[in-house]
Amino acid sequence: MPSPCSPVVLRSPATGSGDDSGTTSSASDDAPPGNDVDGQELPTSSNDPEPTTGSSTSTSGTTGEVDQTCGDGILDPGEGCDDGVDNAIYAACTDACQPNICGDHKVHIGIETCDEGSENVDTGYCRSDCQLATCGDGFLFAALEACDAGQANGPEYGQCDDKCTINRCGDGELDAGHEQCDDGALNGSGDPGEFGQAGCDVDCGYFGRRIFLSSQEFTGDMGTRAGADLACEIMATQAGFKDTYKYRALLADTKGSPNSYVVPDPDGLGRPFILPGGLIVAASYPELIKLGPGEGVTTTELGEMLFKKMVWTNINPAGDAYLEDPASTCAEWSSADKLKSARAGINAVAPGDAAALAEWKANKHWLSAVSLSCSAPYRIYCIEAG
C-alpha cells in the first residue's frame, strides 16, 4: 500500500480486448469515472475538434478539415462564383455565390434594367431579355402600346407612330393631310370647338354641313341650275370633301329655290353650317336664312379668304326666288346675254368695317344686293344641301 505522500499516477486505459491480462492501471479501483479525479478536471486532447459556427461547411479529408464559405473569395464546390466582398444581389456574382443571370429575380446593375424571373415576357413591362419595355424596341407592350414597329415607327397614316399608337382617326392627334380635326373620344359628339370652330365628326372631318364661295367665276350661262349644281359637286370633290353628291348651287329660278331643296336637318344630328375651315356660320338652315352666315361666306373650297365679291343668287331674304321671270334669271341660268340680268349678293364686307357689316347684315346683302348683267363672270355659293 503506498504511503499517504506518494503521488497518484494516471495511465491511459489499456487498448486490448478489455480482459484482466497485461498491464493494468495502478490507480485505485475506486477512482470515479469521467474526466476528473478527486474533483480535478482532466485536460482534453489537442486533437479534439473545436465547435464551429457561421455559414461555413466543414468536410473531412486526408489533410484535415476544410471550411467552405460563400464570400470567402474561394470557389468551393457548389458555387458558381465567389468574388468575396464584391458578392451582392445586384452584382455579377450574387450573394448566393451564383452568376447573376437574366431570370434569377436579381437585377444585374449595368446589364439588366429589370428581372421578374419567370414572369419576364416580351409583351410585359420586363422583357425576356431583362430589359424594360420601351416604345420603339420592336416588342409590343400589350398593356400600354397599340403597336411597336421598332425603327419603322413613323408618321405614316395608318401605321405605328413614335408614341406606339396607330396613326388613325380617333387617336386624338391631328394627322395633317388626312384629317381636318381629331378630338379623340369626342369625335361625333357634336361638341363645338373653341372660337366658334365646329367639333369633329366620326370620320375626323368637321361636324357640320359646308357652305363655300366658289373659287371659279361663271357668267349667267351655267348650263341651267343643274349645271351650277354639277360645278359645285366637282369643286367639292377636288377639295376632298366627302358626300360631294349632296352639294348644290345656292341659286333660285322658276323651278325652285333653296327652300325647296336644302333639307333643314337630314340626319337628325343638328349639324351646323360651316365654312371649309370649320368655322360655324349658322346653327341650322332656318338660322342661315333668318340671320345670315355670320360675317360672310368668306372661304372658297380651296381655303382662300375673299371679301366684297359679287355672287349670283336670285334669292330673296326669305330664301325664295327673287324673280321668276326667265329674263331676270339669265334665262334660267343658261344665258350670258348682256341684255339679260339676275340678282346677285355680296359675300362679305371688308374686315373690321363694323358699320358696313351692320348694314350688310340688316339688308341681307349676302343673298341679294344688286342686279347684274348675265355677261359678267361672278362667283356662286355652294352648299351641302342634304
Protein backbone atom coordinates (compact mmCIF):
# COMPACT_ATOMS: atom_id res chain seq x y z
CA MET A 1 0.00 0.00 0.00
CA PRO A 2 1.53 3.34 -0.99
CA SER A 3 2.32 5.88 1.59
CA PRO A 4 -0.01 8.81 2.01
CA CYS A 5 2.55 11.13 0.44
CA SER A 6 3.11 9.12 -2.74
CA PRO A 7 1.75 10.79 -5.91
CA VAL A 8 -1.13 9.25 -7.85
CA VAL A 9 -0.09 8.10 -11.31
CA LEU A 10 -2.74 8.21 -14.04
CA ARG A 11 -2.45 5.97 -17.07
CA SER A 12 -4.30 5.61 -20.18
CA PRO A 13 -6.73 2.72 -20.34
CA ALA A 14 -5.42 -0.39 -21.99
CA THR A 15 -6.35 -0.77 -25.64
CA GLY A 16 -6.62 -4.51 -25.68
CA SER A 17 -9.58 -6.74 -25.57
CA GLY A 18 -10.61 -5.46 -22.18
CA ASP A 19 -9.65 -8.57 -20.10
CA ASP A 20 -7.51 -8.52 -16.99
CA SER A 21 -4.29 -9.75 -18.64
CA GLY A 22 -1.45 -7.41 -19.50
CA THR A 23 -0.70 -4.08 -17.96
CA THR A 24 -3.35 -2.64 -15.70
CA SER A 25 -3.79 0.70 -14.03
CA SER A 26 -2.11 1.14 -10.70
CA ALA A 27 -4.75 3.59 -9.71
CA SER A 28 -7.23 2.71 -7.14
CA ASP A 29 -10.19 0.75 -8.41
CA ASP A 30 -12.31 3.25 -6.57
CA ALA A 31 -11.38 6.18 -8.91
CA PRO A 32 -14.56 7.87 -10.18
CA PRO A 33 -15.44 7.65 -13.89
CA GLY A 34 -15.24 10.60 -16.20
CA ASN A 35 -12.67 13.29 -16.78
CA ASP A 36 -11.78 14.23 -13.27
CA VAL A 37 -10.07 12.63 -10.37
CA ASP A 38 -10.57 13.90 -6.88
CA GLY A 39 -12.54 16.85 -8.35
CA GLN A 40 -9.72 17.86 -10.75
CA GLU A 41 -10.69 18.26 -14.42
CA LEU A 42 -8.57 16.28 -16.77
CA PRO A 43 -7.00 18.01 -19.75
CA THR A 44 -8.62 17.36 -23.14
CA SER A 45 -6.66 16.13 -26.11
CA SER A 46 -5.37 18.75 -28.50
CA ASN A 47 -6.79 16.63 -31.31
CA ASP A 48 -10.38 17.12 -30.17
CA PRO A 49 -12.32 19.27 -32.78
CA GLU A 50 -13.36 22.81 -31.84
CA PRO A 51 -17.06 23.68 -32.12
CA THR A 52 -17.90 25.58 -35.35
CA THR A 53 -20.31 28.46 -36.07
CA GLY A 54 -21.49 30.53 -39.10
CA SER A 55 -22.35 29.54 -42.68
CA SER A 56 -19.17 27.66 -43.41
CA THR A 57 -19.26 23.97 -44.08
CA SER A 58 -16.65 21.54 -42.70
CA THR A 59 -15.58 18.44 -44.57
CA SER A 60 -13.02 15.77 -43.55
CA GLY A 61 -10.06 14.93 -45.74
CA THR A 62 -6.70 13.28 -45.51
CA THR A 63 -5.10 16.62 -44.78
CA GLY A 64 -7.59 17.70 -42.16
CA GLU A 65 -10.89 19.65 -42.28
CA VAL A 66 -11.74 22.39 -44.89
CA ASP A 67 -14.12 25.39 -44.42
CA GLN A 68 -16.49 26.19 -47.34
CA THR A 69 -17.94 29.73 -47.02
CA CYS A 70 -19.78 31.87 -49.70
CA GLY A 71 -17.99 35.19 -49.70
CA ASP A 72 -14.53 34.00 -48.75
CA GLY A 73 -13.26 34.57 -52.29
CA ILE A 74 -12.56 30.88 -52.80
CA LEU A 75 -14.54 28.93 -55.40
CA ASP A 76 -15.89 25.99 -53.43
CA PRO A 77 -17.85 23.01 -54.67
CA GLY A 78 -21.44 24.06 -55.40
CA GLU A 79 -20.52 27.70 -56.01
CA GLY A 80 -20.71 29.18 -59.50
CA CYS A 81 -18.58 32.14 -58.48
CA ASP A 82 -17.19 33.85 -55.40
CA ASP A 83 -15.94 37.42 -55.59
CA GLY A 84 -15.58 37.76 -51.85
CA VAL A 85 -16.69 41.15 -50.54
CA ASP A 86 -17.90 42.10 -54.05
CA ASN A 87 -20.65 39.49 -53.94
CA ALA A 88 -24.01 41.28 -53.93
CA ILE A 89 -27.58 40.73 -55.02
CA TYR A 90 -27.12 43.19 -57.90
CA ALA A 91 -23.50 42.26 -58.77
CA ALA A 92 -22.10 39.87 -61.35
CA CYS A 93 -21.71 37.28 -58.58
CA THR A 94 -24.76 37.23 -56.34
CA ASP A 95 -24.93 36.93 -52.57
CA ALA A 96 -25.58 33.21 -53.13
CA CYS A 97 -22.28 32.77 -55.00
CA GLN A 98 -24.00 32.19 -58.32
CA PRO A 99 -23.57 34.16 -61.57
CA ASN A 100 -26.22 36.87 -61.95
CA ILE A 101 -28.27 35.81 -64.96
CA CYS A 102 -31.49 37.04 -66.54
CA GLY A 103 -34.45 35.27 -64.94
CA ASP A 104 -32.98 34.83 -61.45
CA HIS A 105 -35.07 37.67 -59.97
CA LYS A 106 -31.89 39.65 -59.28
CA VAL A 107 -31.20 42.73 -61.38
CA HIS A 108 -27.61 42.82 -62.63
CA ILE A 109 -26.79 46.52 -62.49
CA GLY A 110 -25.38 47.81 -65.75
CA ILE A 111 -26.51 44.73 -67.65
CA GLU A 112 -30.19 44.33 -66.79
CA THR A 113 -32.82 47.00 -66.21
CA CYS A 114 -35.36 44.63 -64.67
CA ASP A 115 -35.78 40.98 -63.72
CA GLU A 116 -39.12 39.44 -62.84
CA GLY A 117 -37.88 35.87 -63.02
CA SER A 118 -40.35 33.52 -64.67
CA GLU A 119 -42.67 36.47 -65.34
CA ASN A 120 -40.25 38.08 -67.81
CA VAL A 121 -42.17 38.23 -71.08
CA ASP A 122 -41.80 40.23 -74.29
CA THR A 123 -45.38 41.53 -74.07
CA GLY A 124 -44.90 42.77 -70.49
CA TYR A 125 -43.02 45.63 -68.93
CA CYS A 126 -39.93 43.45 -68.28
CA ARG A 127 -38.95 41.65 -71.46
CA SER A 128 -37.49 38.16 -71.68
CA ASP A 129 -34.02 39.70 -72.06
CA CYS A 130 -34.40 41.56 -68.74
CA GLN A 131 -34.79 44.97 -70.35
CA LEU A 132 -37.65 47.37 -69.62
CA ALA A 133 -40.20 47.66 -72.41
CA THR A 134 -39.92 50.95 -74.32
CA CYS A 135 -41.73 52.35 -77.34
CA GLY A 136 -39.55 51.69 -80.35
CA ASP A 137 -37.94 48.49 -79.12
CA GLY A 138 -39.94 46.40 -81.58
CA PHE A 139 -41.79 44.50 -78.84
CA LEU A 140 -45.48 45.11 -78.18
CA PHE A 141 -46.10 46.03 -74.53
CA ALA A 142 -49.72 44.92 -74.53
CA ALA A 143 -50.79 46.98 -71.51
CA LEU A 144 -49.67 50.36 -72.89
CA GLU A 145 -48.87 50.13 -76.60
CA ALA A 146 -51.18 49.70 -79.55
CA CYS A 147 -48.26 48.81 -81.81
CA ASP A 148 -44.49 48.84 -81.97
CA ALA A 149 -42.68 48.51 -85.28
CA GLY A 150 -39.29 49.42 -83.83
CA GLN A 151 -37.27 51.62 -86.16
CA ALA A 152 -40.16 51.57 -88.63
CA ASN A 153 -42.32 53.67 -86.26
CA GLY A 154 -43.09 56.89 -88.06
CA PRO A 155 -45.63 59.47 -89.16
CA GLU A 156 -47.30 57.49 -91.96
CA TYR A 157 -51.08 57.49 -91.64
CA GLY A 158 -52.42 54.08 -90.72
CA GLN A 159 -49.01 52.98 -89.42
CA CYS A 160 -47.38 52.89 -85.97
CA ASP A 161 -46.10 56.29 -84.82
CA ASP A 162 -43.32 57.30 -82.45
CA LYS A 163 -45.72 57.08 -79.50
CA CYS A 164 -46.59 53.46 -80.33
CA THR A 165 -50.15 54.31 -81.30
CA ILE A 166 -51.74 53.83 -84.71
CA ASN A 167 -51.96 56.99 -86.78
CA ARG A 168 -55.71 56.88 -87.25
CA CYS A 169 -58.87 58.87 -86.89
CA GLY A 170 -59.92 58.92 -83.25
CA ASP A 171 -56.47 58.83 -81.66
CA GLY A 172 -56.73 62.47 -80.61
CA GLU A 173 -53.79 63.51 -82.78
CA LEU A 174 -54.23 65.57 -85.92
CA ASP A 175 -52.72 63.85 -88.94
CA ALA A 176 -52.25 66.65 -91.44
CA GLY A 177 -53.30 65.77 -94.95
CA HIS A 178 -55.59 63.02 -93.73
CA GLU A 179 -57.75 64.66 -91.06
CA GLN A 180 -59.33 68.06 -90.60
CA CYS A 181 -59.57 67.56 -86.86
CA ASP A 182 -59.37 64.81 -84.26
CA ASP A 183 -60.95 65.17 -80.83
CA GLY A 184 -60.44 61.54 -79.90
CA ALA A 185 -63.37 60.17 -77.91
CA LEU A 186 -65.38 63.36 -78.54
CA ASN A 187 -65.50 62.76 -82.30
CA GLY A 188 -69.11 62.72 -83.46
CA SER A 189 -70.47 64.12 -80.20
CA GLY A 190 -71.41 67.46 -81.77
CA ASP A 191 -69.49 69.39 -79.12
CA PRO A 192 -68.18 72.58 -80.73
CA GLY A 193 -64.56 73.53 -80.54
CA GLU A 194 -63.04 76.81 -79.42
CA PHE A 195 -63.53 80.22 -81.05
CA GLY A 196 -66.63 79.19 -82.98
CA GLN A 197 -65.00 76.17 -84.58
CA ALA A 198 -67.02 73.05 -85.26
CA GLY A 199 -66.18 69.84 -83.44
CA CYS A 200 -65.11 66.64 -85.20
CA ASP A 201 -67.32 64.02 -86.74
CA VAL A 202 -66.55 60.30 -86.56
CA ASP A 203 -64.52 60.50 -89.78
CA CYS A 204 -62.27 63.28 -88.44
CA GLY A 205 -63.90 65.87 -90.65
CA TYR A 206 -65.63 68.88 -89.16
CA PHE A 207 -69.03 68.20 -87.62
CA GLY A 208 -71.18 70.31 -89.87
CA ARG A 209 -72.53 70.96 -93.34
CA ARG A 210 -70.31 73.07 -95.57
CA ILE A 211 -71.11 76.23 -97.42
CA PHE A 212 -68.38 77.81 -99.51
CA LEU A 213 -67.70 80.54 -102.04
CA SER A 214 -66.71 79.11 -105.42
CA SER A 215 -63.11 79.52 -106.45
CA GLN A 216 -64.33 79.76 -110.04
CA GLU A 217 -66.33 82.51 -111.73
CA PHE A 218 -69.28 82.00 -114.06
CA THR A 219 -71.33 84.09 -116.42
CA GLY A 220 -75.09 83.70 -116.33
CA ASP A 221 -74.73 80.75 -118.65
CA MET A 222 -74.03 77.84 -116.30
CA GLY A 223 -75.94 75.27 -118.33
CA THR A 224 -79.04 75.81 -116.17
CA ARG A 225 -79.16 75.46 -112.40
CA ALA A 226 -78.32 71.76 -112.79
CA GLY A 227 -75.06 72.76 -114.45
CA ALA A 228 -74.26 75.00 -111.49
CA ASP A 229 -75.02 72.09 -109.13
CA LEU A 230 -72.56 69.93 -111.06
CA ALA A 231 -69.91 72.63 -110.84
CA CYS A 232 -70.33 72.70 -107.05
CA GLU A 233 -70.04 68.92 -106.88
CA ILE A 234 -66.84 68.97 -108.93
CA MET A 235 -65.28 71.70 -106.78
CA ALA A 236 -66.20 69.84 -103.59
CA THR A 237 -64.64 66.66 -104.98
CA GLN A 238 -61.42 68.43 -105.92
CA ALA A 239 -61.28 69.87 -102.38
CA GLY A 240 -61.51 66.38 -100.88
CA PHE A 241 -64.90 66.82 -99.21
CA LYS A 242 -66.98 63.71 -98.58
CA ASP A 243 -70.51 63.06 -99.88
CA THR A 244 -69.96 65.52 -102.71
CA TYR A 245 -73.16 64.43 -104.43
CA LYS A 246 -75.01 66.40 -101.76
CA TYR A 247 -73.65 69.78 -102.89
CA ARG A 248 -75.92 72.22 -104.71
CA ALA A 249 -75.54 75.74 -106.02
CA LEU A 250 -77.36 78.27 -103.87
CA LEU A 251 -79.44 79.62 -106.78
CA ALA A 252 -83.11 80.19 -107.46
CA ASP A 253 -85.14 80.22 -110.68
CA THR A 254 -88.65 79.34 -111.80
CA LYS A 255 -88.00 75.70 -110.99
CA GLY A 256 -87.11 76.16 -107.36
CA SER A 257 -85.12 77.86 -104.61
CA PRO A 258 -83.00 76.79 -101.59
CA ASN A 259 -86.17 76.49 -99.54
CA SER A 260 -87.26 73.65 -101.80
CA TYR A 261 -84.04 71.63 -101.95
CA VAL A 262 -81.98 72.32 -98.80
CA VAL A 263 -83.02 69.81 -96.14
CA PRO A 264 -83.11 71.51 -92.71
CA ASP A 265 -81.77 68.54 -90.71
CA PRO A 266 -81.25 65.49 -92.94
CA ASP A 267 -79.73 63.11 -90.39
CA GLY A 268 -81.30 64.45 -87.21
CA LEU A 269 -77.92 65.35 -85.76
CA GLY A 270 -78.44 69.09 -85.79
CA ARG A 271 -75.24 69.76 -87.69
CA PRO A 272 -74.43 73.45 -88.12
CA PHE A 273 -73.39 75.12 -91.36
CA ILE A 274 -69.65 75.69 -91.50
CA LEU A 275 -67.01 77.16 -93.76
CA PRO A 276 -64.40 74.75 -95.18
CA GLY A 277 -62.03 75.62 -92.33
CA GLY A 278 -64.60 74.56 -89.74
CA LEU A 279 -65.87 77.99 -88.65
CA ILE A 280 -69.56 77.82 -87.72
CA VAL A 281 -71.64 80.45 -89.58
CA ALA A 282 -75.14 79.24 -88.70
CA ALA A 283 -76.54 76.66 -86.31
CA SER A 284 -79.16 75.47 -88.82
CA TYR A 285 -80.69 76.22 -92.20
CA PRO A 286 -83.52 78.34 -90.75
CA GLU A 287 -80.90 80.38 -88.87
CA LEU A 288 -78.80 80.72 -92.01
CA ILE A 289 -81.75 82.28 -93.87
CA LYS A 290 -83.02 84.36 -90.97
CA LEU A 291 -79.74 85.72 -89.57
CA GLY A 292 -77.27 85.17 -92.38
CA PRO A 293 -73.86 83.45 -92.38
CA GLY A 294 -72.19 85.35 -89.57
CA GLU A 295 -69.67 87.74 -91.11
CA GLY A 296 -69.99 86.16 -94.53
CA VAL A 297 -69.21 83.20 -96.75
CA THR A 298 -65.59 84.24 -96.94
CA THR A 299 -63.80 80.99 -97.83
CA THR A 300 -63.53 79.09 -101.08
CA GLU A 301 -63.42 75.31 -101.25
CA LEU A 302 -59.64 75.65 -101.52
CA GLY A 303 -59.40 77.69 -98.33
CA GLU A 304 -58.80 81.10 -99.93
CA MET A 305 -60.24 84.04 -97.94
CA LEU A 306 -62.09 86.59 -100.08
CA PHE A 307 -64.20 89.70 -99.34
CA LYS A 308 -66.51 92.04 -101.30
CA LYS A 309 -67.12 89.53 -104.12
CA MET A 310 -70.29 89.51 -106.19
CA VAL A 311 -72.20 86.21 -106.15
CA TRP A 312 -75.04 85.04 -108.44
CA THR A 313 -78.11 84.09 -106.35
CA ASN A 314 -81.57 85.43 -107.42
CA ILE A 315 -82.67 84.66 -103.85
CA ASN A 316 -84.80 86.98 -101.72
CA PRO A 317 -84.27 87.49 -97.95
CA ALA A 318 -86.78 84.72 -97.17
CA GLY A 319 -84.90 82.09 -99.19
CA ASP A 320 -87.29 82.01 -102.16
CA ALA A 321 -86.75 83.14 -105.75
CA TYR A 322 -86.24 86.89 -106.00
CA LEU A 323 -87.67 86.93 -109.54
CA GLU A 324 -89.19 84.13 -111.58
CA ASP A 325 -89.16 85.81 -114.95
CA PRO A 326 -86.62 83.90 -117.10
CA ALA A 327 -85.33 87.19 -118.46
CA SER A 328 -84.39 88.12 -114.88
CA THR A 329 -82.68 84.82 -114.13
CA CYS A 330 -80.26 84.74 -117.06
CA ALA A 331 -82.81 82.59 -118.90
CA GLU A 332 -82.88 80.04 -116.10
CA TRP A 333 -79.08 80.32 -115.76
CA SER A 334 -78.44 79.35 -119.34
CA SER A 335 -77.61 82.70 -120.96
CA ALA A 336 -74.68 85.10 -120.97
CA ASP A 337 -76.65 87.74 -122.87
CA LYS A 338 -75.59 91.16 -121.68
CA LEU A 339 -79.17 92.37 -122.07
CA LYS A 340 -80.38 89.87 -119.54
CA SER A 341 -79.77 90.17 -115.80
CA ALA A 342 -80.16 88.46 -112.44
CA ARG A 343 -79.84 89.36 -108.79
CA ALA A 344 -76.52 88.97 -107.04
CA GLY A 345 -75.35 89.22 -103.46
CA ILE A 346 -72.12 90.28 -101.75
CA ASN A 347 -70.25 87.50 -99.92
CA ALA A 348 -68.80 89.75 -97.17
CA VAL A 349 -67.66 93.27 -96.38
CA ALA A 350 -64.10 94.34 -95.67
CA PRO A 351 -62.78 93.03 -92.35
CA GLY A 352 -63.02 95.50 -89.49
CA ASP A 353 -65.66 97.73 -91.10
CA ALA A 354 -68.31 97.50 -88.38
CA ALA A 355 -70.74 99.96 -89.98
CA ALA A 356 -70.66 98.20 -93.33
CA LEU A 357 -71.09 94.84 -91.62
CA ALA A 358 -74.16 96.04 -89.73
CA GLU A 359 -75.77 97.31 -92.94
CA TRP A 360 -74.82 94.15 -94.83
CA LYS A 361 -76.50 92.00 -92.16
CA ALA A 362 -79.59 94.16 -91.80
CA ASN A 363 -80.31 94.16 -95.54
CA LYS A 364 -79.27 90.56 -96.05
CA HIS A 365 -76.99 91.62 -98.84
CA TRP A 366 -75.29 88.24 -98.83
CA LEU A 367 -78.38 86.97 -100.74
CA SER A 368 -79.48 89.99 -102.74
CA ALA A 369 -77.80 93.36 -103.25
CA VAL A 370 -77.95 94.32 -106.92
CA SER A 371 -78.98 93.18 -110.42
CA LEU A 372 -76.10 92.43 -112.78
CA SER A 373 -75.67 91.67 -116.47
CA CYS A 374 -75.55 87.98 -117.33
CA SER A 375 -72.47 88.52 -119.47
CA ALA A 376 -70.20 89.28 -116.49
CA PRO A 377 -68.41 86.49 -114.59
CA TYR A 378 -69.17 86.18 -110.90
CA ARG A 379 -68.99 83.52 -108.23
CA ILE A 380 -71.64 81.24 -106.76
CA TYR A 381 -72.31 79.81 -103.30
CA CYS A 382 -72.18 76.03 -102.93
CA ILE A 383 -73.99 74.40 -100.03
CA GLU A 384 -74.25 70.87 -98.64
CA ALA A 385 -77.96 70.54 -99.15
CA GLY A 386 -78.61 67.01 -97.90
